[in-house]
C-alpha atoms as a PDB file:
ATOM      1  CA  ILE A   1      -0.086  -5.166   1.057  1.00  0.00           C
ATOM      2  CA  PHE A   2      -3.102  -3.421  -0.076  1.00  0.00           C
ATOM      3  CA  ASP A   3      -5.072  -4.673  -3.174  1.00  0.00           C
ATOM      4  CA  MET A   4      -8.510  -5.567  -4.287  1.00  0.00           C
ATOM      5  CA  ALA A   5     -10.007  -9.031  -4.748  1.00  0.00           C
ATOM      6  CA  PRO A   6      -9.492 -10.445  -8.339  1.00  0.00           C
ATOM      7  CA  LYS A   7     -12.980 -11.348  -8.809  1.00  0.00           C
ATOM      8  CA  ARG A   8     -16.671 -10.709  -7.536  1.00  0.00           C
ATOM      9  CA  PHE A   9     -17.757 -12.644  -4.623  1.00  0.00           C
ATOM     10  CA  GLN A  10     -21.202 -13.075  -3.293  1.00  0.00           C
ATOM     11  CA  GLY A  11     -21.625 -13.299   0.596  1.00  0.00           C
ATOM     12  CA  THR A  12     -20.156 -11.949   3.673  1.00  0.00           C
ATOM     13  CA  MET A  13     -16.640 -11.073   4.188  1.00  0.00           C
ATOM     14  CA  HIS A  14     -16.322 -13.559   6.920  1.00  0.00           C
ATOM     15  CA  ARG A  15     -17.161 -16.235   4.372  1.00  0.00           C
ATOM     16  CA  TYR A  16     -14.870 -14.498   1.840  1.00  0.00           C
ATOM     17  CA  LEU A  17     -11.839 -14.567   4.194  1.00  0.00           C
ATOM     18  CA  THR A  18     -12.487 -18.219   5.574  1.00  0.00           C
ATOM     19  CA  GLN A  19     -13.629 -19.978   2.607  1.00  0.00           C
ATOM     20  CA  LEU A  20     -12.022 -18.374  -0.371  1.00  0.00           C
ATOM     21  CA  TRP A  21      -9.068 -15.889   0.399  1.00  0.00           C
ATOM     22  CA  GLY A  22      -7.661 -17.512   3.709  1.00  0.00           C
ATOM     23  CA  LYS A  23      -8.916 -21.122   2.909  1.00  0.00           C
ATOM     24  CA  LYS A  24      -5.511 -22.649   2.862  1.00  0.00           C
ATOM     25  CA  SER A  25      -4.142 -20.812   5.873  1.00  0.00           C
ATOM     26  CA  ASN A  26      -4.512 -21.844   9.551  1.00  0.00           C
ATOM     27  CA  LEU A  27      -6.544 -18.728  10.398  1.00  0.00           C
ATOM     28  CA  SER A  28      -7.204 -17.760  14.159  1.00  0.00           C
ATOM     29  CA  GLN A  29      -8.890 -14.869  15.797  1.00  0.00           C
ATOM     30  CA  VAL A  30     -11.424 -14.549  13.028  1.00  0.00           C
ATOM     31  CA  GLN A  31     -13.721 -11.621  13.654  1.00  0.00           C
ATOM     32  CA  ARG A  32     -16.488  -9.826  11.904  1.00  0.00           C
ATOM     33  CA  VAL A  33     -16.028  -6.208  11.816  1.00  0.00           C
ATOM     34  CA  THR A  34     -17.715  -2.887  10.434  1.00  0.00           C
ATOM     35  CA  ILE A  35     -15.304  -0.481   9.007  1.00  0.00           C
ATOM     36  CA  ASN A  36     -16.814   2.964   8.258  1.00  0.00           C
ATOM     37  CA  GLY A  37     -20.109   1.144   7.241  1.00  0.00           C
ATOM     38  CA  MET A  38     -18.302  -1.568   5.110  1.00  0.00           C
ATOM     39  CA  ASP A  39     -18.881  -5.307   5.980  1.00  0.00           C
ATOM     40  CA  ALA A  40     -15.381  -6.525   6.983  1.00  0.00           C
ATOM     41  CA  ALA A  41     -13.650  -9.523   8.495  1.00  0.00           C
ATOM     42  CA  THR A  42     -10.143 -10.023   9.864  1.00  0.00           C
ATOM     43  CA  ALA A  43      -8.010 -13.129  10.888  1.00  0.00           C
ATOM     44  CA  LEU A  44      -4.646 -13.895  12.183  1.00  0.00           C
ATOM     45  CA  THR A  45      -2.351 -16.549  10.539  1.00  0.00           C
ATOM     46  CA  GLN A  46       1.497 -17.120  10.652  1.00  0.00           C
ATOM     47  CA  GLY A  47       4.277 -17.489   8.222  1.00  0.00           C
ATOM     48  CA  THR A  48       7.780 -16.713   7.273  1.00  0.00           C
ATOM     49  CA  ILE A  49       9.369 -13.764   5.485  1.00  0.00           C
ATOM     50  CA  ARG A  50      13.202 -14.357   4.481  1.00  0.00           C
ATOM     51  CA  GLY A  51      13.197 -17.359   6.815  1.00  0.00           C
ATOM     52  CA  LYS A  52      11.967 -15.252   9.907  1.00  0.00           C
ATOM     53  CA  PRO A  53       8.698 -16.052  11.497  1.00  0.00           C
ATOM     54  CA  VAL A  54       6.024 -13.506  11.224  1.00  0.00           C
ATOM     55  CA  ASP A  55       2.430 -12.944  12.270  1.00  0.00           C
ATOM     56  CA  ILE A  56       0.082 -12.170   9.304  1.00  0.00           C
ATOM     57  CA  ARG A  57      -3.015 -10.265   9.817  1.00  0.00           C
ATOM     58  CA  LEU A  58      -5.631 -10.471   6.837  1.00  0.00           C
ATOM     59  CA  LEU A  59      -8.475  -8.153   6.440  1.00  0.00           C
ATOM     60  CA  ALA A  60     -11.087  -8.068   3.607  1.00  0.00           C
ATOM     61  CA  ALA A  61     -13.595  -5.110   3.501  1.00  0.00           C
ATOM     62  CA  ARG A  62     -16.462  -4.830   1.046  1.00  0.00           C
ATOM     63  CA  SER A  63     -16.803  -1.407  -0.398  1.00  0.00           C
ATOM     64  CA  SER A  64     -19.516  -1.866  -3.020  1.00  0.00           C
ATOM     65  CA  PRO A  65     -20.994  -5.098  -4.505  1.00  0.00           C
ATOM     66  CA  GLN A  66     -18.100  -5.205  -7.137  1.00  0.00           C
ATOM     67  CA  ARG A  67     -15.136  -4.246  -4.900  1.00  0.00           C
ATOM     68  CA  ILE A  68     -13.502  -5.965  -1.985  1.00  0.00           C
ATOM     69  CA  TYR A  69     -10.438  -4.240  -0.368  1.00  0.00           C
ATOM     70  CA  ARG A  70      -7.704  -6.605   1.127  1.00  0.00           C
ATOM     71  CA  LEU A  71      -4.974  -5.680   3.502  1.00  0.00           C
ATOM     72  CA  VAL A  72      -2.109  -7.943   4.640  1.00  0.00           C
ATOM     73  CA  PHE A  73      -0.069  -6.892   7.554  1.00  0.00           C
ATOM     74  CA  ALA A  74       3.052  -8.839   8.348  1.00  0.00           C
ATOM     75  CA  THR A  75       4.939  -8.099  11.525  1.00  0.00           C
ATOM     76  CA  PRO A  76       7.662  -9.885  13.452  1.00  0.00           C
ATOM     77  CA  ARG A  77       6.171 -12.059  16.075  1.00  0.00           C
ATOM     78  CA  ASN A  78       7.930 -10.136  18.944  1.00  0.00           C
ATOM     79  CA  ARG A  79       6.493  -6.917  17.699  1.00  0.00           C
ATOM     80  CA  THR A  80       2.885  -7.842  16.681  1.00  0.00           C
ATOM     81  CA  GLN A  81       1.406  -6.832  20.167  1.00  0.00           C
ATOM     82  CA  SER A  82       3.312  -3.330  20.208  1.00  0.00           C
ATOM     83  CA  LEU A  83       2.083  -2.445  16.535  1.00  0.00           C
ATOM     84  CA  ALA A  84      -1.530  -3.452  17.305  1.00  0.00           C
ATOM     85  CA  THR A  85      -2.828   0.100  17.795  1.00  0.00           C
ATOM     86  CA  GLU A  86      -1.169   1.299  14.610  1.00  0.00           C
ATOM     87  CA  LEU A  87      -2.474  -1.544  12.557  1.00  0.00           C
ATOM     88  CA  GLN A  88      -5.951  -0.879  13.804  1.00  0.00           C
ATOM     89  CA  ARG A  89      -5.701   2.786  12.972  1.00  0.00           C
ATOM     90  CA  THR A  90      -4.689   1.808   9.450  1.00  0.00           C
ATOM     91  CA  THR A  91      -7.521  -0.599   9.131  1.00  0.00           C
ATOM     92  CA  PHE A  92     -10.252   1.798  10.429  1.00  0.00           C
ATOM     93  CA  SER A  93      -8.957   4.474   8.190  1.00  0.00           C
ATOM     94  CA  LEU A  94     -10.502   2.644   5.057  1.00  0.00           C
ATOM     95  CA  LYS A  95     -13.497   4.372   3.723  1.00  0.00           C
ATOM     96  CA  ASN A  96     -15.179   5.127   0.390  1.00  0.00           C
ATOM     97  CA  MET A  97     -14.605   8.466  -1.097  1.00  0.00           C
ATOM     98  CA  THR A  98     -17.211  10.598  -2.447  1.00  0.00           C
ATOM     99  CA  ALA A  99     -17.038  11.974  -5.995  1.00  0.00           C
ATOM    100  CA  ALA A 100     -16.063  15.390  -4.683  1.00  0.00           C
ATOM    101  CA  GLU A 101     -13.480  13.977  -2.398  1.00  0.00           C
ATOM    102  CA  ALA A 102     -11.967  11.999  -5.399  1.00  0.00           C
ATOM    103  CA  ALA A 103     -12.155  14.931  -7.657  1.00  0.00           C
ATOM    104  CA  LYS A 104      -9.502  16.938  -5.333  1.00  0.00           C
ATOM    105  CA  PHE A 105      -6.735  14.430  -6.192  1.00  0.00           C
ATOM    106  CA  LYS A 106      -4.807  14.952  -9.312  1.00  0.00           C
ATOM    107  CA  PRO A 107      -3.267  11.855 -10.909  1.00  0.00           C
ATOM    108  CA  ARG A 108       0.476  11.780 -11.183  1.00  0.00           C
ATOM    109  CA  ARG A 109       2.677  10.393 -13.768  1.00  0.00           C
ATOM    110  CA  ILE A 110       6.311   9.290 -13.963  1.00  0.00           C
ATOM    111  CA  VAL A 111       8.036  10.896 -16.921  1.00  0.00           C
ATOM    112  CA  VAL A 112      11.178   9.958 -18.404  1.00  0.00           C
ATOM    113  CA  ARG A 113      13.848  12.602 -19.677  1.00  0.00           C
ATOM    114  CA  ALA A 114      17.552  12.840 -20.234  1.00  0.00           C
ATOM    115  CA  ALA A 115      19.485  14.586 -17.640  1.00  0.00           C
ATOM    116  CA  ASN A 116      21.254  17.874 -18.918  1.00  0.00           C
ATOM    117  CA  ARG A 117      24.931  18.982 -18.124  1.00  0.00           C
ATOM    118  CA  GLY A 118      24.727  20.664 -14.704  1.00  0.00           C
ATOM    119  CA  ASP A 119      21.634  18.723 -13.292  1.00  0.00           C
ATOM    120  CA  THR A 120      22.030  17.253  -9.784  1.00  0.00           C
ATOM    121  CA  VAL A 121      19.861  15.142  -7.774  1.00  0.00           C
ATOM    122  CA  GLN A 122      19.012  18.294  -5.729  1.00  0.00           C
ATOM    123  CA  SER A 123      17.942  20.344  -8.741  1.00  0.00           C
ATOM    124  CA  LEU A 124      16.006  17.541 -10.347  1.00  0.00           C
ATOM    125  CA  ALA A 125      14.404  16.530  -7.101  1.00  0.00           C
ATOM    126  CA  LYS A 126      12.973  20.091  -6.859  1.00  0.00           C
ATOM    127  CA  ARG A 127      10.999  19.302 -10.066  1.00  0.00           C
ATOM    128  CA  MET A 128       9.306  16.223  -8.248  1.00  0.00           C
ATOM    129  CA  GLN A 129       5.709  16.864  -7.557  1.00  0.00           C
ATOM    130  CA  VAL A 130       5.484  14.793  -4.346  1.00  0.00           C
ATOM    131  CA  ASN A 131       4.171  15.693  -0.970  1.00  0.00           C
ATOM    132  CA  SER A 132       7.432  15.326   1.112  1.00  0.00           C
ATOM    133  CA  LEU A 133      11.176  14.239   0.852  1.00  0.00           C
ATOM    134  CA  PRO A 134      11.506  14.854  -3.113  1.00  0.00           C
ATOM    135  CA  GLU A 135      15.307  13.974  -2.985  1.00  0.00           C
ATOM    136  CA  ASP A 136      14.605  10.695  -1.330  1.00  0.00           C
ATOM    137  CA  TRP A 137      11.698   9.915  -3.894  1.00  0.00           C
ATOM    138  CA  PHE A 138      14.054  10.872  -6.641  1.00  0.00           C
ATOM    139  CA  ARG A 139      16.904   8.709  -5.325  1.00  0.00           C
ATOM    140  CA  VAL A 140      14.735   5.487  -4.853  1.00  0.00           C
ATOM    141  CA  LEU A 141      12.787   5.990  -8.198  1.00  0.00           C
ATOM    142  CA  ASN A 142      15.988   6.253  -9.981  1.00  0.00           C
ATOM    143  CA  GLY A 143      18.205   3.920  -7.885  1.00  0.00           C
ATOM    144  CA  PHE A 144      20.638   6.536  -6.995  1.00  0.00           C
ATOM    145  CA  LEU A 145      23.105   5.950  -4.166  1.00  0.00           C
ATOM    146  CA  PRO A 146      23.733   8.785  -1.700  1.00  0.00           C
ATOM    147  CA  ASP A 147      27.008   9.761  -3.364  1.00  0.00           C
ATOM    148  CA  GLN A 148      25.594   9.330  -7.027  1.00  0.00           C
ATOM    149  CA  GLN A 149      24.625  12.226  -9.314  1.00  0.00           C
ATOM    150  CA  PRO A 150      23.070  12.042 -12.743  1.00  0.00           C
ATOM    151  CA  ARG A 151      25.244  12.042 -16.017  1.00  0.00           C
ATOM    152  CA  PRO A 152      24.423  14.252 -18.958  1.00  0.00           C
ATOM    153  CA  GLY A 153      21.981  12.020 -21.215  1.00  0.00           C
ATOM    154  CA  GLN A 154      21.388   9.669 -18.513  1.00  0.00           C
ATOM    155  CA  LEU A 155      17.601   8.924 -18.561  1.00  0.00           C
ATOM    156  CA  ILE A 156      15.905   9.738 -15.315  1.00  0.00           C
ATOM    157  CA  LYS A 157      12.345   9.608 -13.953  1.00  0.00           C
ATOM    158  CA  LEU A 158      10.301  12.449 -12.403  1.00  0.00           C
ATOM    159  CA  VAL A 159       6.905  12.334 -10.764  1.00  0.00           C
ATOM    160  CA  ARG A 160       4.713  15.067 -12.374  1.00  0.00           C
ATOM    161  CA  GLU A 161       1.229  15.964 -12.128  1.00  0.00           C
ATOM    162  CA  ARG A 162      -0.930  15.119 -15.214  1.00  0.00           C
END
């Protein structure tokens, strides 16, 4: 899970993690870290998802006085160690973007339209403005099973650049 803290917090990320966000969790392995110049803190706790035990890694990183990024990684307990390198790569990929970097990204929108006679998942997926796997994106976005095709008049969703 990746989100942002819901309100401002004055103080270190270590304090934010231990005294606010993770206050009710039994935290262990609490560490102060710096991620691409950002004050950050991480800790481990445990929980369950669908009745199965998981390790939960919390990470809080301050990107500006008003903004705290938060990451939650949940891994099956028997896989946590083998996934540690990938989780660290993800963690240390966080960085603030410059205005020039942000300007390179074009926002995308989901548009809804009616399918026409002759439209197929494959033909509609070609209209999806996604980086990869357009047919998979189309099927997931529209809840289509592998053998389903749109019916004429059926409302479908497409990802388009603004």
